[in-house]
Amino acid sequence: MGDLLIRGLDPETEARLAARAKANRRSISAEAADILSLAIDLPDMSAGEAYRRLRERNGPVDFEPPPRTVEAPRVDFE
């Protein structure tokens, strides 16, 4: 198996990777390898297929949509 060194990783990404690795009971290297192996196939599949695969692996994900920062213009039909 080969090795990979990632230079210049920002601290936030590193912290998120470490937290994800801890949650999955893996080393940071094992977590990064798993993410890369999954991501390497993404360009060859639709977004729906990628979402389906991620859901199969990780279960459903709850998220809040971001708040609207711009209101849609009001239409006056008169």
N, C-alpha and C. Protein backbone atom coordinates (compact mmCIF):
# COMPACT_ATOMS: atom_id res chain seq x y z
N MET A 1 0.85 -1.17 0.00
CA MET A 1 0.00 0.00 0.00
C MET A 1 0.89 1.23 0.00
N GLY A 2 0.53 2.23 -0.75
CA GLY A 2 1.32 3.46 -0.86
C GLY A 2 1.02 4.44 0.25
N ASP A 3 1.88 5.42 0.37
CA ASP A 3 1.71 6.50 1.35
C ASP A 3 1.41 7.79 0.61
N LEU A 4 0.73 8.69 1.31
CA LEU A 4 0.38 9.98 0.74
C LEU A 4 0.57 11.03 1.82
N LEU A 5 1.26 12.10 1.50
CA LEU A 5 1.47 13.22 2.41
C LEU A 5 0.69 14.40 1.89
N ILE A 6 -0.13 14.99 2.73
CA ILE A 6 -0.91 16.15 2.32
C ILE A 6 -0.35 17.35 3.07
N ARG A 7 0.23 18.28 2.34
CA ARG A 7 0.80 19.49 2.94
C ARG A 7 -0.20 20.62 2.87
N GLY A 8 -0.11 21.51 3.82
CA GLY A 8 -0.91 22.73 3.78
C GLY A 8 -2.38 22.53 4.10
N LEU A 9 -2.72 21.47 4.79
CA LEU A 9 -4.12 21.24 5.16
C LEU A 9 -4.52 22.26 6.21
N ASP A 10 -5.61 22.97 5.98
CA ASP A 10 -5.99 24.00 6.93
C ASP A 10 -6.45 23.36 8.25
N PRO A 11 -6.26 24.05 9.37
CA PRO A 11 -6.56 23.49 10.69
C PRO A 11 -8.01 23.04 10.86
N GLU A 12 -8.95 23.76 10.26
CA GLU A 12 -10.37 23.38 10.39
C GLU A 12 -10.62 22.04 9.72
N THR A 13 -10.09 21.84 8.52
CA THR A 13 -10.26 20.57 7.82
C THR A 13 -9.60 19.44 8.60
N GLU A 14 -8.42 19.70 9.12
CA GLU A 14 -7.72 18.69 9.91
C GLU A 14 -8.53 18.31 11.15
N ALA A 15 -9.10 19.29 11.82
CA ALA A 15 -9.92 19.03 13.01
C ALA A 15 -11.18 18.24 12.66
N ARG A 16 -11.81 18.59 11.55
CA ARG A 16 -13.01 17.87 11.13
C ARG A 16 -12.68 16.44 10.74
N LEU A 17 -11.54 16.24 10.09
CA LEU A 17 -11.11 14.89 9.72
C LEU A 17 -10.83 14.08 10.97
N ALA A 18 -10.16 14.68 11.95
CA ALA A 18 -9.86 13.98 13.20
C ALA A 18 -11.14 13.61 13.95
N ALA A 19 -12.12 14.52 13.97
CA ALA A 19 -13.39 14.23 14.63
C ALA A 19 -14.14 13.10 13.92
N ARG A 20 -14.13 13.14 12.61
CA ARG A 20 -14.79 12.08 11.83
C ARG A 20 -14.10 10.74 12.04
N ALA A 21 -12.77 10.75 12.09
CA ALA A 21 -12.01 9.51 12.33
C ALA A 21 -12.34 8.95 13.71
N LYS A 22 -12.40 9.83 14.70
CA LYS A 22 -12.73 9.39 16.07
C LYS A 22 -14.14 8.80 16.13
N ALA A 23 -15.09 9.45 15.47
CA ALA A 23 -16.47 8.96 15.46
C ALA A 23 -16.57 7.59 14.79
N ASN A 24 -15.72 7.34 13.80
CA ASN A 24 -15.72 6.06 13.08
C ASN A 24 -14.72 5.06 13.65
N ARG A 25 -14.08 5.45 14.76
CA ARG A 25 -13.10 4.59 15.44
C ARG A 25 -11.98 4.15 14.50
N ARG A 26 -11.43 5.13 13.79
CA ARG A 26 -10.34 4.88 12.86
C ARG A 26 -9.24 5.90 13.09
N SER A 27 -8.07 5.59 12.56
CA SER A 27 -7.00 6.58 12.56
C SER A 27 -7.34 7.66 11.53
N ILE A 28 -6.67 8.79 11.66
CA ILE A 28 -6.87 9.86 10.69
C ILE A 28 -6.47 9.38 9.29
N SER A 29 -5.39 8.62 9.21
CA SER A 29 -4.94 8.10 7.91
C SER A 29 -5.98 7.16 7.30
N ALA A 30 -6.53 6.27 8.13
CA ALA A 30 -7.54 5.34 7.62
C ALA A 30 -8.79 6.07 7.17
N GLU A 31 -9.17 7.11 7.91
CA GLU A 31 -10.36 7.89 7.54
C GLU A 31 -10.11 8.63 6.23
N ALA A 32 -8.95 9.24 6.08
CA ALA A 32 -8.62 9.95 4.84
C ALA A 32 -8.58 8.98 3.66
N ALA A 33 -8.02 7.80 3.86
CA ALA A 33 -7.97 6.80 2.79
C ALA A 33 -9.38 6.38 2.38
N ASP A 34 -10.27 6.22 3.36
CA ASP A 34 -11.65 5.84 3.04
C ASP A 34 -12.36 6.95 2.27
N ILE A 35 -12.17 8.18 2.69
CA ILE A 35 -12.78 9.32 1.99
C ILE A 35 -12.26 9.40 0.55
N LEU A 36 -10.95 9.25 0.38
CA LEU A 36 -10.38 9.30 -0.97
C LEU A 36 -10.88 8.17 -1.85
N SER A 37 -10.97 6.96 -1.29
CA SER A 37 -11.43 5.83 -2.11
C SER A 37 -12.87 6.02 -2.55
N LEU A 38 -13.68 6.64 -1.70
CA LEU A 38 -15.07 6.92 -2.08
C LEU A 38 -15.12 8.06 -3.09
N ALA A 39 -14.35 9.12 -2.85
CA ALA A 39 -14.40 10.31 -3.70
C ALA A 39 -13.83 10.06 -5.09
N ILE A 40 -12.92 9.14 -5.22
CA ILE A 40 -12.28 8.90 -6.51
C ILE A 40 -13.29 8.42 -7.56
N ASP A 41 -14.39 7.82 -7.11
CA ASP A 41 -15.42 7.32 -8.03
C ASP A 41 -16.50 8.36 -8.33
N LEU A 42 -16.54 9.44 -7.59
CA LEU A 42 -17.64 10.38 -7.73
C LEU A 42 -17.78 11.00 -9.13
N PRO A 43 -16.70 11.37 -9.81
CA PRO A 43 -16.90 11.96 -11.14
C PRO A 43 -17.58 11.03 -12.14
N ASP A 44 -17.52 9.73 -11.92
CA ASP A 44 -18.09 8.78 -12.85
C ASP A 44 -19.54 8.42 -12.54
N MET A 45 -20.14 9.11 -11.57
CA MET A 45 -21.52 8.79 -11.23
C MET A 45 -22.33 10.07 -11.08
N SER A 46 -23.62 9.92 -11.13
CA SER A 46 -24.50 11.07 -10.97
C SER A 46 -24.51 11.49 -9.50
N ALA A 47 -25.00 12.68 -9.26
CA ALA A 47 -25.12 13.17 -7.88
C ALA A 47 -26.07 12.28 -7.09
N GLY A 48 -27.13 11.81 -7.74
CA GLY A 48 -28.07 10.92 -7.07
C GLY A 48 -27.44 9.61 -6.65
N GLU A 49 -26.60 9.05 -7.52
CA GLU A 49 -25.91 7.81 -7.21
C GLU A 49 -24.91 8.03 -6.07
N ALA A 50 -24.20 9.15 -6.10
CA ALA A 50 -23.25 9.46 -5.02
C ALA A 50 -23.99 9.60 -3.69
N TYR A 51 -25.13 10.28 -3.70
CA TYR A 51 -25.93 10.44 -2.49
C TYR A 51 -26.42 9.09 -1.99
N ARG A 52 -26.90 8.24 -2.90
CA ARG A 52 -27.38 6.92 -2.52
C ARG A 52 -26.27 6.11 -1.85
N ARG A 53 -25.08 6.14 -2.42
CA ARG A 53 -23.95 5.40 -1.84
C ARG A 53 -23.57 5.92 -0.46
N LEU A 54 -23.54 7.25 -0.35
CA LEU A 54 -23.20 7.83 0.95
C LEU A 54 -24.24 7.46 2.01
N ARG A 55 -25.51 7.46 1.61
CA ARG A 55 -26.58 7.09 2.54
C ARG A 55 -26.48 5.64 2.94
N GLU A 56 -26.15 4.76 2.01
CA GLU A 56 -25.97 3.35 2.33
C GLU A 56 -24.84 3.16 3.34
N ARG A 57 -23.77 3.93 3.16
CA ARG A 57 -22.61 3.81 4.05
C ARG A 57 -22.85 4.45 5.41
N ASN A 58 -23.44 5.63 5.43
CA ASN A 58 -23.49 6.43 6.65
C ASN A 58 -24.88 6.60 7.25
N GLY A 59 -25.90 6.10 6.58
CA GLY A 59 -27.26 6.31 7.07
C GLY A 59 -27.76 7.69 6.69
N PRO A 60 -29.01 7.99 7.07
CA PRO A 60 -29.57 9.30 6.71
C PRO A 60 -28.86 10.43 7.45
N VAL A 61 -28.84 11.58 6.83
CA VAL A 61 -28.19 12.75 7.41
C VAL A 61 -29.23 13.84 7.60
N ASP A 62 -29.32 14.34 8.83
CA ASP A 62 -30.22 15.46 9.11
C ASP A 62 -29.44 16.75 8.97
N PHE A 63 -30.01 17.70 8.29
CA PHE A 63 -29.36 18.99 8.16
C PHE A 63 -30.42 20.06 8.02
N GLU A 64 -30.05 21.24 8.43
CA GLU A 64 -30.92 22.40 8.30
C GLU A 64 -30.49 23.18 7.06
N PRO A 65 -31.41 23.52 6.19
CA PRO A 65 -31.01 24.35 5.05
C PRO A 65 -30.56 25.72 5.57
N PRO A 66 -29.63 26.34 4.88
CA PRO A 66 -29.16 27.64 5.34
C PRO A 66 -30.29 28.67 5.26
N PRO A 67 -30.26 29.64 6.15
CA PRO A 67 -31.32 30.66 6.10
C PRO A 67 -31.20 31.50 4.84
N ARG A 68 -32.32 32.00 4.39
CA ARG A 68 -32.31 32.87 3.22
C ARG A 68 -31.67 34.19 3.58
N THR A 69 -30.82 34.63 2.71
CA THR A 69 -30.18 35.92 2.95
C THR A 69 -30.77 37.00 2.05
N VAL A 70 -31.49 36.57 1.03
CA VAL A 70 -32.12 37.51 0.11
C VAL A 70 -33.57 37.08 -0.07
N GLU A 71 -34.46 38.01 0.12
CA GLU A 71 -35.87 37.71 -0.09
C GLU A 71 -36.19 37.75 -1.58
N ALA A 72 -37.03 36.83 -2.01
CA ALA A 72 -37.47 36.83 -3.41
C ALA A 72 -38.31 38.08 -3.65
N PRO A 73 -38.18 38.68 -4.84
CA PRO A 73 -38.99 39.88 -5.10
C PRO A 73 -40.48 39.54 -5.14
N ARG A 74 -41.26 40.42 -4.61
CA ARG A 74 -42.72 40.23 -4.62
C ARG A 74 -43.26 40.62 -5.99
N VAL A 75 -44.21 39.84 -6.47
CA VAL A 75 -44.81 40.08 -7.78
C VAL A 75 -46.19 40.68 -7.58
N ASP A 76 -46.45 41.78 -8.25
CA ASP A 76 -47.78 42.43 -8.17
C ASP A 76 -48.48 42.16 -9.49
N PHE A 77 -49.60 41.44 -9.44
CA PHE A 77 -50.32 41.05 -10.66
C PHE A 77 -51.37 42.07 -11.06
N GLU A 78 -51.42 43.19 -10.42
CA GLU A 78 -52.44 44.19 -10.78
C GLU A 78 -51.87 45.28 -11.61
